[in-house]
PDB file of N, CA and C in Angstrom:
ATOM      1  N   MET A   1     -13.882 -11.054  -0.810  1.00  0.00           N
ATOM      2  CA  MET A   1     -12.865  -9.437   0.043  1.00  0.00           C
ATOM      3  C   MET A   1     -13.096  -9.408  -0.903  1.00  0.00           C
ATOM      4  N   LYS A   2     -13.098  -7.551  -1.013  1.00  0.00           N
ATOM      5  CA  LYS A   2     -12.854  -6.472  -1.256  1.00  0.00           C
ATOM      6  C   LYS A   2     -11.550  -6.377  -0.699  1.00  0.00           C
ATOM      7  N   LEU A   3     -10.735  -5.753  -2.317  1.00  0.00           N
ATOM      8  CA  LEU A   3      -9.595  -4.897  -1.432  1.00  0.00           C
ATOM      9  C   LEU A   3      -9.225  -4.031  -2.732  1.00  0.00           C
ATOM     10  N   VAL A   4      -9.440  -2.672  -2.432  1.00  0.00           N
ATOM     11  CA  VAL A   4      -8.837  -1.304  -2.801  1.00  0.00           C
ATOM     12  C   VAL A   4      -7.471  -1.041  -2.617  1.00  0.00           C
ATOM     13  N   THR A   5      -7.086  -1.045  -3.241  1.00  0.00           N
ATOM     14  CA  THR A   5      -5.369  -0.832  -3.478  1.00  0.00           C
ATOM     15  C   THR A   5      -4.315   0.299  -5.087  1.00  0.00           C
ATOM     16  N   PHE A   6      -3.483   0.774  -4.269  1.00  0.00           N
ATOM     17  CA  PHE A   6      -3.267   1.989  -5.429  1.00  0.00           C
ATOM     18  C   PHE A   6      -1.699   1.247  -5.941  1.00  0.00           C
ATOM     19  N   GLN A   7      -1.545  -0.282  -5.903  1.00  0.00           N
ATOM     20  CA  GLN A   7      -0.977  -0.797  -6.571  1.00  0.00           C
ATOM     21  C   GLN A   7      -1.350  -1.460  -7.225  1.00  0.00           C
ATOM     22  N   THR A   8       0.038  -1.890  -7.964  1.00  0.00           N
ATOM     23  CA  THR A   8      -0.094  -2.944  -9.487  1.00  0.00           C
ATOM     24  C   THR A   8      -0.278  -3.726  -9.668  1.00  0.00           C
ATOM     25  N   ILE A   9      -0.845  -4.507 -10.365  1.00  0.00           N
ATOM     26  CA  ILE A   9      -1.257  -6.078 -10.249  1.00  0.00           C
ATOM     27  C   ILE A   9      -0.222  -6.308  -9.880  1.00  0.00           C
ATOM     28  N   GLU A  10       1.183  -6.908 -10.160  1.00  0.00           N
ATOM     29  CA  GLU A  10       1.994  -7.854  -9.937  1.00  0.00           C
ATOM     30  C   GLU A  10       1.880  -7.401  -7.935  1.00  0.00           C
ATOM     31  N   ALA A  11       1.958  -6.240  -7.349  1.00  0.00           N
ATOM     32  CA  ALA A  11       1.449  -6.209  -6.060  1.00  0.00           C
ATOM     33  C   ALA A  11       0.228  -7.242  -5.322  1.00  0.00           C
ATOM     34  N   VAL A  12      -0.966  -7.274  -6.042  1.00  0.00           N
ATOM     35  CA  VAL A  12      -2.086  -8.101  -6.034  1.00  0.00           C
ATOM     36  C   VAL A  12      -0.829  -9.440  -6.087  1.00  0.00           C
ATOM     37  N   LYS A  13      -0.319  -9.556  -7.094  1.00  0.00           N
ATOM     38  CA  LYS A  13      -0.208 -10.961  -6.975  1.00  0.00           C
ATOM     39  C   LYS A  13       0.563 -12.153  -6.645  1.00  0.00           C
ATOM     40  N   ASP A  14       1.721 -10.728  -5.796  1.00  0.00           N
ATOM     41  CA  ASP A  14       2.036 -11.315  -4.376  1.00  0.00           C
ATOM     42  C   ASP A  14       1.177 -11.261  -3.598  1.00  0.00           C
ATOM     43  N   LEU A  15       0.320 -10.317  -2.954  1.00  0.00           N
ATOM     44  CA  LEU A  15      -0.894 -10.890  -2.140  1.00  0.00           C
ATOM     45  C   LEU A  15      -1.449 -12.334  -1.820  1.00  0.00           C
ATOM     46  N   PHE A  16      -1.842 -12.561  -3.201  1.00  0.00           N
ATOM     47  CA  PHE A  16      -1.943 -14.186  -3.436  1.00  0.00           C
ATOM     48  C   PHE A  16      -1.365 -14.664  -3.012  1.00  0.00           C
ATOM     49  N   ASN A  17       0.017 -14.889  -3.630  1.00  0.00           N
ATOM     50  CA  ASN A  17       0.910 -16.025  -3.776  1.00  0.00           C
ATOM     51  C   ASN A  17       1.523 -15.911  -2.138  1.00  0.00           C
ATOM     52  N   LYS A  18       1.859 -15.084  -1.811  1.00  0.00           N
ATOM     53  CA  LYS A  18       2.253 -14.875  -0.195  1.00  0.00           C
ATOM     54  C   LYS A  18       1.449 -14.897   0.862  1.00  0.00           C
ATOM     55  N   GLY A  19       0.619 -14.456   0.912  1.00  0.00           N
ATOM     56  CA  GLY A  19      -0.676 -14.167   1.833  1.00  0.00           C
ATOM     57  C   GLY A  19      -0.390 -12.762   2.676  1.00  0.00           C
ATOM     58  N   TYR A  20       0.226 -12.198   2.088  1.00  0.00           N
ATOM     59  CA  TYR A  20       0.040 -10.614   2.547  1.00  0.00           C
ATOM     60  C   TYR A  20       0.501  -9.884   1.683  1.00  0.00           C
ATOM     61  N   LEU A  21       0.029  -8.536   2.328  1.00  0.00           N
ATOM     62  CA  LEU A  21       0.650  -7.345   0.571  1.00  0.00           C
ATOM     63  C   LEU A  21       1.648  -6.349   1.194  1.00  0.00           C
ATOM     64  N   GLU A  22       2.949  -6.214   0.664  1.00  0.00           N
ATOM     65  CA  GLU A  22       3.554  -5.675   1.245  1.00  0.00           C
ATOM     66  C   GLU A  22       3.574  -4.081   0.555  1.00  0.00           C
ATOM     67  N   CYS A  23       4.329  -3.157   1.218  1.00  0.00           N
ATOM     68  CA  CYS A  23       4.133  -2.375   0.457  1.00  0.00           C
ATOM     69  C   CYS A  23       6.065  -1.409   0.351  1.00  0.00           C
ATOM     70  N   ASP A  24       5.737  -1.549  -1.208  1.00  0.00           N
ATOM     71  CA  ASP A  24       6.931  -1.298  -2.130  1.00  0.00           C
ATOM     72  C   ASP A  24       6.480  -0.894  -3.126  1.00  0.00           C
ATOM     73  N   GLU A  25       7.074   0.846  -2.961  1.00  0.00           N
ATOM     74  CA  GLU A  25       6.775   1.747  -3.914  1.00  0.00           C
ATOM     75  C   GLU A  25       6.755   1.477  -5.236  1.00  0.00           C
ATOM     76  N   LYS A  26       7.599   0.958  -5.857  1.00  0.00           N
ATOM     77  CA  LYS A  26       7.214   0.281  -7.089  1.00  0.00           C
ATOM     78  C   LYS A  26       6.819  -0.324  -7.041  1.00  0.00           C
ATOM     79  N   LYS A  27       5.565  -0.487  -6.818  1.00  0.00           N
ATOM     80  CA  LYS A  27       4.483  -1.461  -7.544  1.00  0.00           C
ATOM     81  C   LYS A  27       3.072  -0.364  -6.719  1.00  0.00           C
ATOM     82  N   ILE A  28       3.851   0.439  -6.619  1.00  0.00           N
ATOM     83  CA  ILE A  28       2.426   1.524  -6.109  1.00  0.00           C
ATOM     84  C   ILE A  28       2.295   2.191  -8.199  1.00  0.00           C
ATOM     85  N   ASN A  29       0.524   2.232  -7.963  1.00  0.00           N
ATOM     86  CA  ASN A  29       0.098   2.467  -9.660  1.00  0.00           C
ATOM     87  C   ASN A  29       0.248   4.630  -9.214  1.00  0.00           C
ATOM     88  N   PHE A  30       1.369   5.564  -9.023  1.00  0.00           N
ATOM     89  CA  PHE A  30       0.917   6.530  -8.926  1.00  0.00           C
ATOM     90  C   PHE A  30       0.208   7.536  -9.482  1.00  0.00           C
ATOM     91  N   ASP A  31      -0.570   6.943 -11.380  1.00  0.00           N
ATOM     92  CA  ASP A  31      -1.344   7.619 -11.848  1.00  0.00           C
ATOM     93  C   ASP A  31      -2.412   7.718 -10.856  1.00  0.00           C
ATOM     94  N   LYS A  32      -2.941   6.220 -10.456  1.00  0.00           N
ATOM     95  CA  LYS A  32      -4.177   6.705  -9.257  1.00  0.00           C
ATOM     96  C   LYS A  32      -3.983   7.339  -7.696  1.00  0.00           C
ATOM     97  N   ASN A  33      -3.000   7.381  -7.639  1.00  0.00           N
ATOM     98  CA  ASN A  33      -2.453   8.145  -6.296  1.00  0.00           C
ATOM     99  C   ASN A  33      -3.125   9.514  -5.558  1.00  0.00           C
ATOM    100  N   SER A  34      -3.514   9.693  -4.640  1.00  0.00           N
ATOM    101  CA  SER A  34      -4.115  11.198  -4.149  1.00  0.00           C
ATOM    102  C   SER A  34      -4.144  11.659  -3.236  1.00  0.00           C
ATOM    103  N   SER A  35      -4.924  12.226  -2.826  1.00  0.00           N
ATOM    104  CA  SER A  35      -4.735  12.645  -1.742  1.00  0.00           C
ATOM    105  C   SER A  35      -5.288  12.075  -0.958  1.00  0.00           C
ATOM    106  N   THR A  36      -6.348  11.535  -0.778  1.00  0.00           N
ATOM    107  CA  THR A  36      -6.719  10.064   0.044  1.00  0.00           C
ATOM    108  C   THR A  36      -5.725   9.162   0.555  1.00  0.00           C
ATOM    109  N   TYR A  37      -4.780   8.891  -0.672  1.00  0.00           N
ATOM    110  CA  TYR A  37      -4.041   7.724  -0.431  1.00  0.00           C
ATOM    111  C   TYR A  37      -2.869   8.110   0.461  1.00  0.00           C
ATOM    112  N   ASN A  38      -2.999   9.761   0.449  1.00  0.00           N
ATOM    113  CA  ASN A  38      -1.594   9.892   0.910  1.00  0.00           C
ATOM    114  C   ASN A  38      -2.227  10.419   2.955  1.00  0.00           C
ATOM    115  N   TRP A  39      -3.265  10.496   3.338  1.00  0.00           N
ATOM    116  CA  TRP A  39      -4.708  10.905   4.082  1.00  0.00           C
ATOM    117  C   TRP A  39      -4.312   9.112   4.826  1.00  0.00           C
ATOM    118  N   ILE A  40      -4.320   8.059   3.874  1.00  0.00           N
ATOM    119  CA  ILE A  40      -4.622   6.913   4.835  1.00  0.00           C
ATOM    120  C   ILE A  40      -3.171   6.514   5.383  1.00  0.00           C
ATOM    121  N   VAL A  41      -1.896   7.058   4.475  1.00  0.00           N
ATOM    122  CA  VAL A  41      -0.313   6.683   4.595  1.00  0.00           C
ATOM    123  C   VAL A  41      -0.498   7.397   5.802  1.00  0.00           C
ATOM    124  N   GLU A  42      -0.632   8.898   6.068  1.00  0.00           N
ATOM    125  CA  GLU A  42      -0.231   9.666   7.041  1.00  0.00           C
ATOM    126  C   GLU A  42      -1.100   9.324   8.350  1.00  0.00           C
ATOM    127  N   ASN A  43      -2.311   8.355   8.612  1.00  0.00           N
ATOM    128  CA  ASN A  43      -2.888   7.605   9.261  1.00  0.00           C
ATOM    129  C   ASN A  43      -2.467   6.040   9.691  1.00  0.00           C
ATOM    130  N   MET A  44      -2.443   5.857   9.496  1.00  0.00           N
ATOM    131  CA  MET A  44      -1.860   4.887   9.475  1.00  0.00           C
ATOM    132  C   MET A  44      -0.556   4.659  10.465  1.00  0.00           C
ATOM    133  N   ASN A  45       0.392   6.124   9.831  1.00  0.00           N
ATOM    134  CA  ASN A  45       1.640   5.933  10.343  1.00  0.00           C
ATOM    135  C   ASN A  45       1.557   6.479  12.158  1.00  0.00           C
ATOM    136  N   LYS A  46       0.416   6.990  12.094  1.00  0.00           N
ATOM    137  CA  LYS A  46       0.078   7.323  13.678  1.00  0.00           C
ATOM    138  C   LYS A  46      -0.198   6.119  14.486  1.00  0.00           C
ATOM    139  N   ARG A  47      -0.908   5.292  13.720  1.00  0.00           N
ATOM    140  CA  ARG A  47      -1.259   4.331  14.601  1.00  0.00           C
ATOM    141  C   ARG A  47      -1.042   3.260  14.304  1.00  0.00           C
ATOM    142  N   ILE A  48       0.322   3.096  13.529  1.00  0.00           N
ATOM    143  CA  ILE A  48       1.414   1.786  13.596  1.00  0.00           C
ATOM    144  C   ILE A  48       2.446   1.898  13.435  1.00  0.00           C
ATOM    145  N   ASP A  49       3.185   1.045  14.143  1.00  0.00           N
ATOM    146  CA  ASP A  49       4.525   1.575  15.017  1.00  0.00           C
ATOM    147  C   ASP A  49       5.277   1.399  13.148  1.00  0.00           C
ATOM    148  N   ASN A  50       5.799   2.851  12.982  1.00  0.00           N
ATOM    149  CA  ASN A  50       6.420   2.468  11.576  1.00  0.00           C
ATOM    150  C   ASN A  50       8.636   3.146  10.945  1.00  0.00           C
ATOM    151  N   PRO A  51       8.677   1.868  12.114  1.00  0.00           N
ATOM    152  CA  PRO A  51      11.126   2.217  12.652  1.00  0.00           C
ATOM    153  C   PRO A  51      11.450   2.567  11.293  1.00  0.00           C
ATOM    154  N   ASN A  52      10.638   1.691  10.276  1.00  0.00           N
ATOM    155  CA  ASN A  52      11.633   1.892   9.068  1.00  0.00           C
ATOM    156  C   ASN A  52      11.681   3.509   7.895  1.00  0.00           C
ATOM    157  N   ASN A  53      10.032   4.200   8.606  1.00  0.00           N
ATOM    158  CA  ASN A  53       9.338   4.960   7.659  1.00  0.00           C
ATOM    159  C   ASN A  53       8.986   4.775   6.509  1.00  0.00           C
ATOM    160  N   THR A  54       8.299   3.438   6.343  1.00  0.00           N
ATOM    161  CA  THR A  54       8.117   3.090   5.095  1.00  0.00           C
ATOM    162  C   THR A  54       6.844   3.936   4.524  1.00  0.00           C
ATOM    163  N   LYS A  55       6.838   4.115   3.740  1.00  0.00           N
ATOM    164  CA  LYS A  55       5.824   5.349   2.501  1.00  0.00           C
ATOM    165  C   LYS A  55       4.430   4.039   1.925  1.00  0.00           C
TER     166      LYS A  55
END
């Protein structure tokens, strides 16, 4: 499996421990954040119900 993420290594460790990846702003590496990431978030919010307005 290939994983592309802007989250920190702690978030990836959570993925392997919990079996899923949570979106947590505290674990995003904003140095790698880009317009592409923002495009992904925007389009995911169009396709997936996001009642908590998670970024």
